C-alpha atoms as a PDB file:
ATOM      1  CA  UNK A   1     149.414 -79.948 147.914  1.00  0.00           C
ATOM      2  CA  UNK A   2     152.626 -79.081 146.145  1.00  0.00           C
ATOM      3  CA  UNK A   3     151.000 -78.797 142.782  1.00  0.00           C
ATOM      4  CA  UNK A   4     148.709 -75.893 143.626  1.00  0.00           C
ATOM      5  CA  UNK A   5     151.683 -74.021 145.041  1.00  0.00           C
ATOM      6  CA  UNK A   6     153.726 -74.645 141.930  1.00  0.00           C
ATOM      7  CA  UNK A   7     150.878 -73.622 139.623  1.00  0.00           C
ATOM      8  CA  UNK A   8     150.363 -70.526 141.772  1.00  0.00           C
ATOM      9  CA  UNK A   9     154.066 -69.633 141.451  1.00  0.00           C
ATOM     10  CA  UNK A  10     154.032 -70.046 137.765  1.00  0.00           C
ATOM     11  CA  UNK A  11     150.927 -67.902 137.440  1.00  0.00           C
ATOM     12  CA  UNK A  12     152.414 -65.122 139.543  1.00  0.00           C
ATOM     13  CA  UNK A  13     155.548 -65.226 137.518  1.00  0.00           C
ATOM     14  CA  UNK A  14     153.547 -65.183 134.157  1.00  0.00           C
ATOM     15  CA  UNK A  15     151.477 -62.193 135.450  1.00  0.00           C
ATOM     16  CA  UNK A  16     154.708 -60.328 136.610  1.00  0.00           C
ATOM     17  CA  UNK A  17     156.427 -60.913 133.270  1.00  0.00           C
ATOM     18  CA  UNK A  18     153.389 -59.818 131.331  1.00  0.00           C
ATOM     19  CA  UNK A  19     153.152 -56.592 133.390  1.00  0.00           C
ATOM     20  CA  UNK A  20     156.754 -55.905 132.860  1.00  0.00           C
ATOM     21  CA  UNK A  21     156.457 -56.353 129.057  1.00  0.00           C
ATOM     22  CA  UNK A  22     153.261 -54.165 129.127  1.00  0.00           C
ATOM     23  CA  UNK A  23     155.123 -51.523 131.090  1.00  0.00           C
ATOM     24  CA  UNK A  24     158.067 -51.464 128.743  1.00  0.00           C
ATOM     25  CA  UNK A  25     155.738 -51.271 125.715  1.00  0.00           C
ATOM     26  CA  UNK A  26     153.709 -48.459 127.209  1.00  0.00           C
ATOM     27  CA  UNK A  27     156.877 -46.505 128.031  1.00  0.00           C
ATOM     28  CA  UNK A  28     158.117 -46.825 124.428  1.00  0.00           C
ATOM     29  CA  UNK A  29     154.861 -45.465 123.208  1.00  0.00           C
ATOM     30  CA  UNK A  30     154.995 -42.525 125.670  1.00  0.00           C
ATOM     31  CA  UNK A  31     152.773 -43.812 128.407  1.00  0.00           C
ATOM     32  CA  UNK A  32     153.649 -43.989 132.051  1.00  0.00           C
ATOM     33  CA  UNK A  33     151.944 -46.210 134.641  1.00  0.00           C
ATOM     34  CA  UNK A  34     151.775 -44.607 138.058  1.00  0.00           C
ATOM     35  CA  UNK A  35     151.130 -47.039 140.930  1.00  0.00           C
ATOM     36  CA  UNK A  36     152.284 -44.751 143.781  1.00  0.00           C
ATOM     37  CA  UNK A  37     149.877 -42.768 146.052  1.00  0.00           C
ATOM     38  CA  UNK A  38     151.618 -39.433 145.172  1.00  0.00           C
ATOM     39  CA  UNK A  39     149.405 -38.955 142.184  1.00  0.00           C
ATOM     40  CA  UNK A  40     146.123 -40.698 141.033  1.00  0.00           C
ATOM     41  CA  UNK A  41     146.955 -44.275 140.150  1.00  0.00           C
ATOM     42  CA  UNK A  42     146.694 -44.900 136.371  1.00  0.00           C
ATOM     43  CA  UNK A  43     148.070 -44.146 132.915  1.00  0.00           C
ATOM     44  CA  UNK A  44     149.819 -40.857 131.993  1.00  0.00           C
ATOM     45  CA  UNK A  45     150.825 -39.794 128.404  1.00  0.00           C
ATOM     46  CA  UNK A  46     153.815 -37.635 127.502  1.00  0.00           C
ATOM     47  CA  UNK A  47     152.518 -34.380 126.015  1.00  0.00           C
ATOM     48  CA  UNK A  48     154.353 -31.541 124.254  1.00  0.00           C
ATOM     49  CA  UNK A  49     153.209 -28.712 126.581  1.00  0.00           C
ATOM     50  CA  UNK A  50     155.082 -26.180 128.664  1.00  0.00           C
ATOM     51  CA  UNK A  51     155.933 -26.722 132.312  1.00  0.00           C
ATOM     52  CA  UNK A  52     153.328 -24.614 134.187  1.00  0.00           C
ATOM     53  CA  UNK A  53     151.773 -24.647 137.656  1.00  0.00           C
ATOM     54  CA  UNK A  54     149.354 -27.597 137.872  1.00  0.00           C
ATOM     55  CA  UNK A  55     151.032 -29.693 135.255  1.00  0.00           C
ATOM     56  CA  UNK A  56     152.280 -33.166 136.001  1.00  0.00           C
ATOM     57  CA  UNK A  57     155.983 -33.859 135.159  1.00  0.00           C
ATOM     58  CA  UNK A  58     158.343 -36.788 135.014  1.00  0.00           C
ATOM     59  CA  UNK A  59     161.800 -35.907 136.332  1.00  0.00           C
ATOM     60  CA  UNK A  60     165.127 -37.517 137.123  1.00  0.00           C
ATOM     61  CA  UNK A  61     166.124 -36.640 140.657  1.00  0.00           C
ATOM     62  CA  UNK A  62     169.445 -34.860 141.158  1.00  0.00           C
ATOM     63  CA  UNK A  63     172.339 -37.073 142.419  1.00  0.00           C
ATOM     64  CA  UNK A  64     172.673 -36.156 146.097  1.00  0.00           C
ATOM     65  CA  UNK A  65     172.546 -37.640 149.652  1.00  0.00           C
ATOM     66  CA  UNK A  66     168.758 -37.060 150.074  1.00  0.00           C
ATOM     67  CA  UNK A  67     167.898 -39.124 146.993  1.00  0.00           C
ATOM     68  CA  UNK A  68     170.456 -41.748 147.745  1.00  0.00           C
ATOM     69  CA  UNK A  69     168.728 -42.186 151.179  1.00  0.00           C
ATOM     70  CA  UNK A  70     165.333 -42.185 149.493  1.00  0.00           C
ATOM     71  CA  UNK A  71     166.492 -44.999 147.018  1.00  0.00           C
ATOM     72  CA  UNK A  72     168.039 -46.959 149.888  1.00  0.00           C
ATOM     73  CA  UNK A  73     164.793 -46.839 151.939  1.00  0.00           C
ATOM     74  CA  UNK A  74     162.705 -47.581 148.808  1.00  0.00           C
ATOM     75  CA  UNK A  75     160.902 -44.248 148.927  1.00  0.00           C
ATOM     76  CA  UNK A  76     161.751 -44.081 145.171  1.00  0.00           C
ATOM     77  CA  UNK A  77     162.343 -46.841 142.688  1.00  0.00           C
ATOM     78  CA  UNK A  78     165.698 -47.730 141.134  1.00  0.00           C
ATOM     79  CA  UNK A  79     165.841 -46.852 137.432  1.00  0.00           C
ATOM     80  CA  UNK A  80     167.860 -45.394 134.472  1.00  0.00           C
ATOM     81  CA  UNK A  81     168.319 -41.872 135.843  1.00  0.00           C
ATOM     82  CA  UNK A  82     171.847 -40.854 136.942  1.00  0.00           C
ATOM     83  CA  UNK A  83     172.505 -42.356 140.394  1.00  0.00           C
ATOM     84  CA  UNK A  84     170.323 -45.373 139.499  1.00  0.00           C
ATOM     85  CA  UNK A  85     167.199 -43.453 140.530  1.00  0.00           C
ATOM     86  CA  UNK A  86     163.916 -44.021 138.741  1.00  0.00           C
ATOM     87  CA  UNK A  87     161.892 -41.308 137.165  1.00  0.00           C
ATOM     88  CA  UNK A  88     159.370 -39.608 139.522  1.00  0.00           C
ATOM     89  CA  UNK A  89     155.995 -38.199 138.635  1.00  0.00           C
ATOM     90  CA  UNK A  90     154.853 -35.093 140.588  1.00  0.00           C
ATOM     91  CA  UNK A  91     152.735 -32.013 140.125  1.00  0.00           C
ATOM     92  CA  UNK A  92     154.186 -28.531 139.585  1.00  0.00           C
ATOM     93  CA  UNK A  93     153.002 -26.145 142.434  1.00  0.00           C
ATOM     94  CA  UNK A  94     155.349 -23.164 141.883  1.00  0.00           C
ATOM     95  CA  UNK A  95     157.651 -21.828 139.193  1.00  0.00           C
ATOM     96  CA  UNK A  96     159.595 -18.693 138.371  1.00  0.00           C
ATOM     97  CA  UNK A  97     158.454 -15.677 140.298  1.00  0.00           C
ATOM     98  CA  UNK A  98     156.456 -17.606 142.917  1.00  0.00           C
ATOM     99  CA  UNK A  99     157.293 -17.049 146.597  1.00  0.00           C
ATOM    100  CA  UNK A 100     157.872 -20.286 148.357  1.00  0.00           C
ATOM    101  CA  UNK A 101     158.219 -21.110 152.075  1.00  0.00           C
ATOM    102  CA  UNK A 102     158.909 -24.733 153.331  1.00  0.00           C
ATOM    103  CA  UNK A 103     158.978 -25.573 157.042  1.00  0.00           C
ATOM    104  CA  UNK A 104     157.654 -27.979 159.553  1.00  0.00           C
ATOM    105  CA  UNK A 105     154.052 -26.613 159.043  1.00  0.00           C
ATOM    106  CA  UNK A 106     154.157 -27.327 155.428  1.00  0.00           C
ATOM    107  CA  UNK A 107     154.603 -25.519 152.155  1.00  0.00           C
ATOM    108  CA  UNK A 108     153.316 -22.073 151.268  1.00  0.00           C
ATOM    109  CA  UNK A 109     153.100 -20.707 147.753  1.00  0.00           C
ATOM    110  CA  UNK A 110     152.496 -16.956 147.307  1.00  0.00           C
ATOM    111  CA  UNK A 111     151.206 -17.001 150.961  1.00  0.00           C
ATOM    112  CA  UNK A 112     148.762 -19.875 150.455  1.00  0.00           C
ATOM    113  CA  UNK A 113     149.133 -23.110 152.530  1.00  0.00           C
ATOM    114  CA  UNK A 114     149.200 -26.235 150.298  1.00  0.00           C
ATOM    115  CA  UNK A 115     147.069 -29.127 151.480  1.00  0.00           C
ATOM    116  CA  UNK A 116     148.796 -32.185 152.904  1.00  0.00           C
ATOM    117  CA  UNK A 117     152.265 -30.474 152.807  1.00  0.00           C
ATOM    118  CA  UNK A 118     153.237 -30.590 156.507  1.00  0.00           C
ATOM    119  CA  UNK A 119     156.599 -32.330 157.060  1.00  0.00           C
ATOM    120  CA  UNK A 120     156.726 -35.453 158.896  1.00  0.00           C
ATOM    121  CA  UNK A 121     159.597 -35.961 161.385  1.00  0.00           C
ATOM    122  CA  UNK A 122     159.823 -39.771 160.751  1.00  0.00           C
ATOM    123  CA  UNK A 123     158.664 -42.297 158.110  1.00  0.00           C
ATOM    124  CA  UNK A 124     156.401 -45.295 158.876  1.00  0.00           C
ATOM    125  CA  UNK A 125     159.351 -47.267 160.133  1.00  0.00           C
ATOM    126  CA  UNK A 126     160.677 -44.670 162.409  1.00  0.00           C
ATOM    127  CA  UNK A 127     163.499 -43.343 160.322  1.00  0.00           C
ATOM    128  CA  UNK A 128     164.246 -39.636 160.590  1.00  0.00           C
ATOM    129  CA  UNK A 129     163.159 -37.677 157.570  1.00  0.00           C
ATOM    130  CA  UNK A 130     165.080 -34.592 156.129  1.00  0.00           C
ATOM    131  CA  UNK A 131     163.781 -31.400 157.455  1.00  0.00           C
ATOM    132  CA  UNK A 132     164.189 -29.021 154.411  1.00  0.00           C
ATOM    133  CA  UNK A 133     163.728 -25.323 154.940  1.00  0.00           C
ATOM    134  CA  UNK A 134     163.312 -22.637 152.343  1.00  0.00           C
ATOM    135  CA  UNK A 135     162.040 -19.100 152.053  1.00  0.00           C
ATOM    136  CA  UNK A 136     162.587 -17.652 148.527  1.00  0.00           C
ATOM    137  CA  UNK A 137     161.241 -16.383 145.312  1.00  0.00           C
ATOM    138  CA  UNK A 138     161.889 -19.000 142.565  1.00  0.00           C
ATOM    139  CA  UNK A 139     164.183 -18.224 139.665  1.00  0.00           C
ATOM    140  CA  UNK A 140     163.759 -19.112 135.978  1.00  0.00           C
ATOM    141  CA  UNK A 141     164.910 -22.700 136.183  1.00  0.00           C
ATOM    142  CA  UNK A 142     163.454 -23.699 139.578  1.00  0.00           C
ATOM    143  CA  UNK A 143     160.213 -25.740 140.262  1.00  0.00           C
ATOM    144  CA  UNK A 144     158.387 -26.871 143.342  1.00  0.00           C
ATOM    145  CA  UNK A 145     157.183 -30.490 142.789  1.00  0.00           C
ATOM    146  CA  UNK A 146     154.967 -32.385 145.201  1.00  0.00           C
ATOM    147  CA  UNK A 147     151.825 -34.328 145.898  1.00  0.00           C
ATOM    148  CA  UNK A 148     148.871 -32.612 147.416  1.00  0.00           C
ATOM    149  CA  UNK A 149     147.053 -35.944 147.644  1.00  0.00           C
ATOM    150  CA  UNK A 150     149.336 -37.852 149.902  1.00  0.00           C
ATOM    151  CA  UNK A 151     150.555 -36.405 153.247  1.00  0.00           C
ATOM    152  CA  UNK A 152     153.312 -39.081 153.339  1.00  0.00           C
ATOM    153  CA  UNK A 153     154.667 -38.443 149.801  1.00  0.00           C
ATOM    154  CA  UNK A 154     158.416 -38.074 149.485  1.00  0.00           C
ATOM    155  CA  UNK A 155     158.519 -34.754 147.661  1.00  0.00           C
ATOM    156  CA  UNK A 156     159.656 -31.032 147.844  1.00  0.00           C
ATOM    157  CA  UNK A 157     158.984 -30.832 151.597  1.00  0.00           C
ATOM    158  CA  UNK A 158     162.044 -33.140 151.961  1.00  0.00           C
ATOM    159  CA  UNK A 159     164.249 -32.588 148.902  1.00  0.00           C
ATOM    160  CA  UNK A 160     163.510 -28.903 147.947  1.00  0.00           C
ATOM    161  CA  UNK A 161     163.401 -27.476 144.530  1.00  0.00           C
ATOM    162  CA  UNK A 162     164.030 -29.243 141.212  1.00  0.00           C
ATOM    163  CA  UNK A 163     165.991 -27.590 138.346  1.00  0.00           C
ATOM    164  CA  UNK A 164     164.500 -27.381 134.890  1.00  0.00           C
ATOM    165  CA  UNK A 165     167.218 -29.684 133.360  1.00  0.00           C
ATOM    166  CA  UNK A 166     166.003 -32.520 135.708  1.00  0.00           C
ATOM    167  CA  UNK A 167     162.510 -32.395 134.225  1.00  0.00           C
ATOM    168  CA  UNK A 168     162.213 -35.023 131.378  1.00  0.00           C
ATOM    169  CA  UNK A 169     158.518 -34.546 130.274  1.00  0.00           C
ATOM    170  CA  UNK A 170     155.154 -33.019 130.880  1.00  0.00           C
ATOM    171  CA  UNK A 171     152.640 -35.828 131.241  1.00  0.00           C
ATOM    172  CA  UNK A 172     148.835 -35.773 131.350  1.00  0.00           C
ATOM    173  CA  UNK A 173     146.499 -38.253 132.947  1.00  0.00           C
ATOM    174  CA  UNK A 174     144.881 -40.563 130.361  1.00  0.00           C
ATOM    175  CA  UNK A 175     143.005 -42.892 132.699  1.00  0.00           C
ATOM    176  CA  UNK A 176     143.179 -42.738 136.514  1.00  0.00           C
ATOM    177  CA  UNK A 177     141.290 -44.163 139.449  1.00  0.00           C
ATOM    178  CA  UNK A 178     141.318 -43.703 143.229  1.00  0.00           C
ATOM    179  CA  UNK A 179     143.421 -45.878 145.524  1.00  0.00           C
END
């Protein structure tokens, strides 16, 4: 009975190492793998395009208490960004000149309610979530980044706006599939 367990353990290790090597190789070649429910699961390629509403972007979160909490609770991965945060992939929903309102009911851009944007008071484990509030017209270097697919995504409804200098790349889906 011990042999199958040992073989299974070696197989899992081999698959894990292979996926890690593949992930590093893809990243070097400008490809991200998204496995989170915030965006469609799949492969995203870095593109040389402007940051516009509707674009997908990869960004390093700013170092602050909200992202420290997110890292500690595993809402976000650890990585090479300042603060030990991992890069996040989100979609741009507002930029310079757009009117944005964030409250308990959700996010409104130019008066239009965004789907799946209502704030939750607690996460799945009962921990209180930040209750970010905003009512503003965005300035040149401000972006609203979130997921319209996942009502439980950790995004702008909890951390607010992201500055242009946090955004690393614009990415475009290459191959995605549903969860």
